[in-house]
Amino acid sequence: MWLPALRRILKLFVVITVGTVALSALFGLLLDASIMRSIAIGFYLVGCFVLFGAFFFGNRGPIRSGGDSELGGPLRVTSRRWATKEEQEEAINSAAIFLPLGFVFILLGVVSDNKHSLF
């Protein structure tokens, strides 16, 4: 059970990392900026976005929408229901995955940033 989960999270991490490096390098070339600085800013942005997502995944309340709306437009009335225990655990577990992942991306940005040295 742990090995397939670890494999999936590692695959997700590698895909996001490679995509971030590729897009950041492309934007750096297009804007005639330093490639390493562009990659660092890309990691900062992705890390902040993932942390932002973790915050909202973890802070979903116990009430969910129950289904279709009865009226359209701004006067829409939807039914509400309490979240099941599984839905609440999923919200907490998603935040628990995204939070360290966001910090790792920000740490990668700090390590790859050549404007400020660590030592």
Protein backbone atom coordinates (compact mmCIF):
# COMPACT_ATOMS: atom_id res chain seq x y z
CA MET A 1 0.00 0.00 0.00
CA TRP A 2 2.78 2.45 0.86
CA LEU A 3 4.97 1.66 -2.13
CA PRO A 4 2.36 2.46 -4.83
CA ALA A 5 1.41 5.65 -2.98
CA LEU A 6 5.06 6.69 -2.76
CA ARG A 7 5.52 5.90 -6.44
CA ARG A 8 2.51 8.09 -7.38
CA ILE A 9 3.63 11.04 -5.27
CA LEU A 10 7.16 10.77 -6.64
CA LYS A 11 5.81 10.67 -10.20
CA LEU A 12 3.69 13.75 -9.47
CA PHE A 13 6.71 15.54 -8.00
CA VAL A 14 8.92 14.71 -11.01
CA VAL A 15 6.28 15.80 -13.54
CA ILE A 16 5.67 19.11 -11.76
CA THR A 17 9.41 19.71 -11.34
CA VAL A 18 10.25 19.01 -14.98
CA GLY A 19 7.30 21.10 -16.16
CA THR A 20 8.30 23.99 -13.91
CA VAL A 21 11.91 23.92 -15.09
CA ALA A 22 10.87 23.75 -18.76
CA LEU A 23 8.29 26.54 -18.58
CA SER A 24 10.48 28.75 -16.41
CA ALA A 25 13.46 28.34 -18.72
CA LEU A 26 11.26 29.13 -21.72
CA PHE A 27 9.94 32.30 -20.09
CA GLY A 28 13.48 33.23 -19.08
CA LEU A 29 14.65 32.91 -22.67
CA LEU A 30 11.66 34.86 -23.99
CA LEU A 31 12.20 37.68 -21.49
CA ASP A 32 16.00 37.63 -21.90
CA ALA A 33 16.50 36.93 -18.20
CA SER A 34 18.83 34.64 -16.31
CA ILE A 35 17.75 31.02 -16.72
CA MET A 36 18.59 30.05 -13.13
CA ARG A 37 16.73 33.06 -11.73
CA SER A 38 13.71 32.21 -13.91
CA ILE A 39 13.75 28.63 -12.66
CA ALA A 40 13.96 29.85 -9.05
CA ILE A 41 10.99 32.19 -9.56
CA GLY A 42 9.08 29.33 -11.20
CA PHE A 43 9.68 27.11 -8.17
CA TYR A 44 8.62 29.94 -5.87
CA LEU A 45 5.38 30.42 -7.79
CA VAL A 46 4.56 26.70 -7.96
CA GLY A 47 5.36 26.25 -4.27
CA CYS A 48 3.11 29.16 -3.30
CA PHE A 49 0.32 27.86 -5.52
CA VAL A 50 0.55 24.38 -3.97
CA LEU A 51 0.55 25.87 -0.45
CA PHE A 52 -2.47 27.96 -1.40
CA GLY A 53 -4.22 24.79 -2.57
CA ALA A 54 -3.28 22.97 0.64
CA PHE A 55 -4.81 25.77 2.67
CA PHE A 56 -8.12 25.56 0.85
CA PHE A 57 -8.22 21.76 0.78
CA GLY A 58 -7.63 21.63 4.52
CA ASN A 59 -10.13 24.35 5.39
CA ARG A 60 -13.19 22.99 3.67
CA GLY A 61 -16.05 23.09 6.10
CA PRO A 62 -18.25 20.20 7.15
CA ILE A 63 -21.16 21.30 4.90
CA ARG A 64 -21.27 20.28 1.23
CA SER A 65 -23.72 21.08 -1.53
CA GLY A 66 -26.34 18.42 -1.82
CA GLY A 67 -27.14 18.45 -5.50
CA ASP A 68 -28.80 20.40 -8.29
CA SER A 69 -30.06 23.93 -7.89
CA GLU A 70 -33.77 24.61 -7.94
CA LEU A 71 -33.48 28.13 -9.43
CA GLY A 72 -30.93 29.55 -11.82
CA GLY A 73 -28.97 32.77 -11.57
CA PRO A 74 -28.13 34.70 -8.43
CA LEU A 75 -31.23 33.42 -6.61
CA ARG A 76 -30.04 29.84 -6.87
CA VAL A 77 -31.10 27.67 -3.95
CA THR A 78 -29.15 24.48 -3.39
CA SER A 79 -29.63 21.84 -0.79
CA ARG A 80 -26.91 21.31 1.80
CA ARG A 81 -25.67 18.19 3.56
CA TRP A 82 -23.08 17.27 6.15
CA ALA A 83 -19.82 15.86 4.81
CA THR A 84 -19.20 12.22 5.48
CA LYS A 85 -16.29 11.09 7.62
CA GLU A 86 -14.46 9.92 4.48
CA GLU A 87 -14.85 13.35 2.84
CA GLN A 88 -13.48 15.08 5.92
CA GLU A 89 -10.53 12.68 6.12
CA GLU A 90 -9.85 13.20 2.41
CA ALA A 91 -9.71 16.98 2.94
CA ILE A 92 -7.21 16.61 5.77
CA ASN A 93 -5.12 14.03 3.89
CA SER A 94 -4.99 16.19 0.75
CA ALA A 95 -3.73 19.12 2.77
CA ALA A 96 -1.18 16.84 4.45
CA ILE A 97 0.21 15.91 1.03
CA PHE A 98 0.18 19.35 -0.54
CA LEU A 99 1.68 21.22 2.42
CA PRO A 100 5.11 19.51 2.45
CA LEU A 101 5.12 19.40 -1.35
CA GLY A 102 4.70 23.18 -1.48
CA PHE A 103 7.51 23.68 1.02
CA VAL A 104 9.78 21.41 -1.04
CA PHE A 105 9.14 23.48 -4.18
CA ILE A 106 9.90 26.70 -2.31
CA LEU A 107 13.07 25.08 -0.95
CA LEU A 108 14.05 24.11 -4.51
CA GLY A 109 13.55 27.74 -5.47
CA VAL A 110 15.81 28.89 -2.64
CA VAL A 111 18.50 26.38 -3.60
CA SER A 112 18.39 27.24 -7.31
CA ASP A 113 18.25 31.03 -6.78
CA ASN A 114 21.58 32.52 -7.80
CA LYS A 115 20.68 36.09 -6.79
CA HIS A 116 21.05 35.27 -3.09
CA SER A 117 23.60 32.76 -1.82
CA LEU A 118 22.84 30.48 1.09
CA PHE A 119 26.34 30.60 2.57
